[in-house]
N, C-alpha and C. Protein backbone atom coordinates (compact mmCIF):
# COMPACT_ATOMS: atom_id res chain seq x y z
N UNK A 1 -9.02 -6.16 1.55
CA UNK A 1 -10.09 -7.37 1.39
C UNK A 1 -8.76 -8.63 1.27
N UNK A 2 -7.42 -8.63 0.77
CA UNK A 2 -6.46 -9.16 0.70
C UNK A 2 -5.38 -8.99 2.01
N UNK A 3 -5.60 -7.66 2.31
CA UNK A 3 -5.00 -7.48 3.41
C UNK A 3 -5.27 -7.82 4.56
N UNK A 4 -6.57 -7.74 4.96
CA UNK A 4 -7.15 -8.77 6.26
C UNK A 4 -7.36 -9.96 5.84
N UNK A 5 -7.34 -10.41 4.90
CA UNK A 5 -8.02 -11.60 4.61
C UNK A 5 -9.66 -12.13 4.99
N UNK A 6 -10.50 -10.96 4.73
CA UNK A 6 -11.76 -11.01 4.61
C UNK A 6 -12.34 -11.59 3.42
N UNK A 7 -12.86 -12.83 3.27
CA UNK A 7 -13.84 -13.43 2.67
C UNK A 7 -12.66 -14.29 1.77
N UNK A 8 -11.41 -14.16 1.65
CA UNK A 8 -10.26 -14.91 1.02
C UNK A 8 -9.02 -14.78 1.66
N UNK A 9 -8.13 -15.59 1.23
CA UNK A 9 -6.88 -16.04 1.56
C UNK A 9 -5.94 -14.97 2.09
N UNK A 10 -5.65 -14.44 3.16
CA UNK A 10 -4.78 -13.33 3.50
C UNK A 10 -3.39 -13.32 2.39
N UNK A 11 -3.22 -12.44 1.83
CA UNK A 11 -2.07 -12.01 0.48
C UNK A 11 -1.55 -10.81 0.58
N UNK A 12 -0.53 -10.54 1.10
CA UNK A 12 -0.45 -9.22 1.09
C UNK A 12 0.53 -8.85 -0.04
N UNK A 13 1.16 -9.52 -0.67
CA UNK A 13 1.46 -9.37 -2.30
C UNK A 13 0.49 -8.71 -3.21
N UNK A 14 -0.77 -9.61 -2.94
CA UNK A 14 -2.03 -9.31 -4.05
C UNK A 14 -2.67 -7.73 -3.20
N UNK A 15 -2.62 -7.56 -2.11
CA UNK A 15 -3.27 -6.40 -1.44
C UNK A 15 -2.33 -5.34 -1.74
N UNK A 16 -1.01 -5.35 -1.75
CA UNK A 16 0.24 -4.60 -2.58
C UNK A 16 0.02 -4.54 -4.06
N UNK A 17 -0.53 -5.32 -4.66
CA UNK A 17 -1.04 -5.27 -6.08
C UNK A 17 -2.22 -3.76 -6.16
N UNK A 18 -3.43 -4.68 -5.30
CA UNK A 18 -4.42 -3.59 -5.70
C UNK A 18 -4.17 -2.00 -5.00
N UNK A 19 -3.49 -2.08 -4.19
CA UNK A 19 -3.26 -0.77 -3.22
C UNK A 19 -2.26 0.16 -4.26
N UNK A 20 -1.59 -0.67 -5.24
CA UNK A 20 -0.57 0.08 -6.37
C UNK A 20 -1.86 0.79 -6.96
N UNK A 21 -2.49 -0.04 -7.98
CA UNK A 21 -3.33 0.56 -8.77
C UNK A 21 -4.33 1.69 -8.35
N UNK A 22 -4.66 1.49 -6.93
CA UNK A 22 -5.60 2.69 -6.73
C UNK A 22 -4.43 4.01 -6.16
N UNK A 23 -3.35 3.66 -6.02
CA UNK A 23 -2.41 4.83 -5.17
C UNK A 23 -2.19 5.66 -6.55
N UNK A 24 -1.87 4.67 -7.64
CA UNK A 24 -1.74 5.69 -8.95
C UNK A 24 -2.59 6.40 -9.42
N UNK A 25 -3.59 6.03 -9.27
CA UNK A 25 -4.79 6.70 -9.66
C UNK A 25 -5.46 8.08 -8.66
N UNK A 26 -4.57 8.01 -7.38
CA UNK A 26 -5.03 9.16 -6.47
C UNK A 26 -5.30 9.26 -5.30
N UNK A 27 -5.61 7.61 -5.17
CA UNK A 27 -6.30 7.19 -3.84
C UNK A 27 -5.65 7.81 -2.77
N UNK A 28 -5.78 8.67 -1.86
CA UNK A 28 -4.86 8.68 -0.56
C UNK A 28 -5.04 7.82 0.38
N UNK A 29 -6.00 7.07 0.69
CA UNK A 29 -6.12 5.91 1.50
C UNK A 29 -4.93 4.55 1.22
N UNK A 30 -5.16 4.54 -0.01
CA UNK A 30 -4.21 3.18 -0.80
C UNK A 30 -2.67 3.64 -0.72
N UNK A 31 -2.69 5.02 -0.96
CA UNK A 31 -1.37 5.36 -1.07
C UNK A 31 -0.45 5.31 0.47
N UNK A 32 -1.50 5.58 1.42
CA UNK A 32 -0.91 5.52 2.79
C UNK A 32 -0.89 3.98 3.18
N UNK A 33 -1.92 3.00 2.50
CA UNK A 33 -1.71 1.61 2.84
C UNK A 33 -0.22 0.94 2.01
N UNK A 34 -0.45 1.51 0.87
CA UNK A 34 1.01 1.24 0.29
C UNK A 34 2.11 1.73 1.39
N UNK A 35 2.17 2.98 1.38
CA UNK A 35 3.71 3.35 2.42
C UNK A 35 3.89 2.11 3.42
N UNK A 36 2.69 1.99 4.04
CA UNK A 36 2.59 0.88 5.28
C UNK A 36 3.51 -0.47 4.98
N UNK A 37 2.77 -0.95 3.65
CA UNK A 37 3.36 -2.07 3.33
C UNK A 37 4.94 -2.07 3.06
N UNK A 38 5.39 -0.58 2.38
CA UNK A 38 7.19 -0.52 2.07
C UNK A 38 7.87 -0.30 3.41
N UNK A 39 6.88 0.35 4.21
CA UNK A 39 7.96 0.43 5.50
C UNK A 39 7.85 -0.69 6.43
N UNK A 40 6.98 -1.53 6.66
CA UNK A 40 7.10 -3.00 6.94
C UNK A 40 7.67 -4.13 6.47
N UNK A 41 7.76 -4.36 4.80
CA UNK A 41 8.12 -5.18 4.07
C UNK A 41 7.00 -6.40 3.76
N UNK A 42 5.86 -6.01 3.88
CA UNK A 42 4.93 -7.09 3.82
C UNK A 42 4.43 -7.07 2.35
N UNK A 43 4.13 -7.80 1.77
CA UNK A 43 3.81 -8.35 0.15
C UNK A 43 4.72 -7.61 -0.59
N UNK A 44 6.17 -6.91 0.14
CA UNK A 44 7.08 -6.40 -0.87
C UNK A 44 8.42 -6.08 -0.21
N UNK A 45 9.49 -6.33 -0.75
CA UNK A 45 10.52 -5.86 -0.11
C UNK A 45 10.50 -4.56 0.25
N UNK A 46 10.96 -4.44 1.51
CA UNK A 46 11.21 -3.14 2.61
C UNK A 46 11.63 -2.29 2.01
N UNK A 47 11.35 -1.06 1.55
CA UNK A 47 11.71 0.35 0.83
C UNK A 47 11.37 1.48 1.76
N UNK A 48 12.57 1.67 2.34
CA UNK A 48 11.99 3.14 3.01
C UNK A 48 11.93 4.61 2.29
N UNK A 49 12.83 4.29 1.07
CA UNK A 49 12.42 5.36 0.09
C UNK A 49 11.05 5.52 -0.31
N UNK A 50 10.41 4.38 -1.04
CA UNK A 50 9.49 4.16 -1.55
C UNK A 50 8.31 4.57 -0.70
N UNK A 51 8.74 4.01 0.86
CA UNK A 51 7.48 4.51 2.10
C UNK A 51 7.21 5.92 2.12
N UNK A 52 8.41 6.80 2.07
CA UNK A 52 8.56 7.98 2.24
C UNK A 52 7.63 8.60 0.96
N UNK A 53 7.78 8.05 -0.16
CA UNK A 53 7.41 8.79 -1.30
C UNK A 53 5.92 8.86 -1.12
N UNK A 54 5.20 7.36 -1.06
CA UNK A 54 3.66 7.09 -1.05
C UNK A 54 3.43 7.64 0.26
N UNK A 55 3.76 7.59 1.64
CA UNK A 55 3.43 8.50 2.72
C UNK A 55 3.18 10.25 2.04
N UNK A 56 4.35 10.74 1.70
CA UNK A 56 4.06 12.28 0.98
C UNK A 56 3.04 12.09 0.27
N UNK A 57 2.72 11.24 -0.72
CA UNK A 57 1.55 11.42 -1.73
C UNK A 57 0.24 11.50 -0.97
N UNK A 58 0.36 10.24 -0.25
CA UNK A 58 -1.23 10.41 0.53
C UNK A 58 -1.36 11.70 1.31
N UNK A 59 -0.34 12.17 2.05
CA UNK A 59 -0.48 13.59 2.79
C UNK A 59 -0.84 14.65 1.88
N UNK A 60 -0.42 14.76 0.76
CA UNK A 60 -0.81 15.73 -0.46
C UNK A 60 -2.24 15.79 -0.72
N UNK A 61 -2.80 14.41 -0.81
CA UNK A 61 -3.98 14.32 -1.32
C UNK A 61 -5.23 14.36 -0.18
N UNK A 62 -4.48 14.38 1.13
CA UNK A 62 -5.81 14.55 1.96
C UNK A 62 -6.17 15.74 2.41
C-alpha cells in the first residue's frame, strides 16, 4: 500500500516499517520486499548485507 502509493501517499519508509513487522513474523513475501528495499535503498539506507539476509530468509520460507 505505502510502497505503491495505493490510496495513500507513497512512503517507502512507512512501507519498510510494515514489511519489517511482517517479515519478522515469517512472511516470505514481506521478507523478499524488505530485501529489495535494502538492495535499492528505498526507505532505508542501502545495505547489501541486510538485503542478502532477508533474501535468504524469504527463500527458506517459500
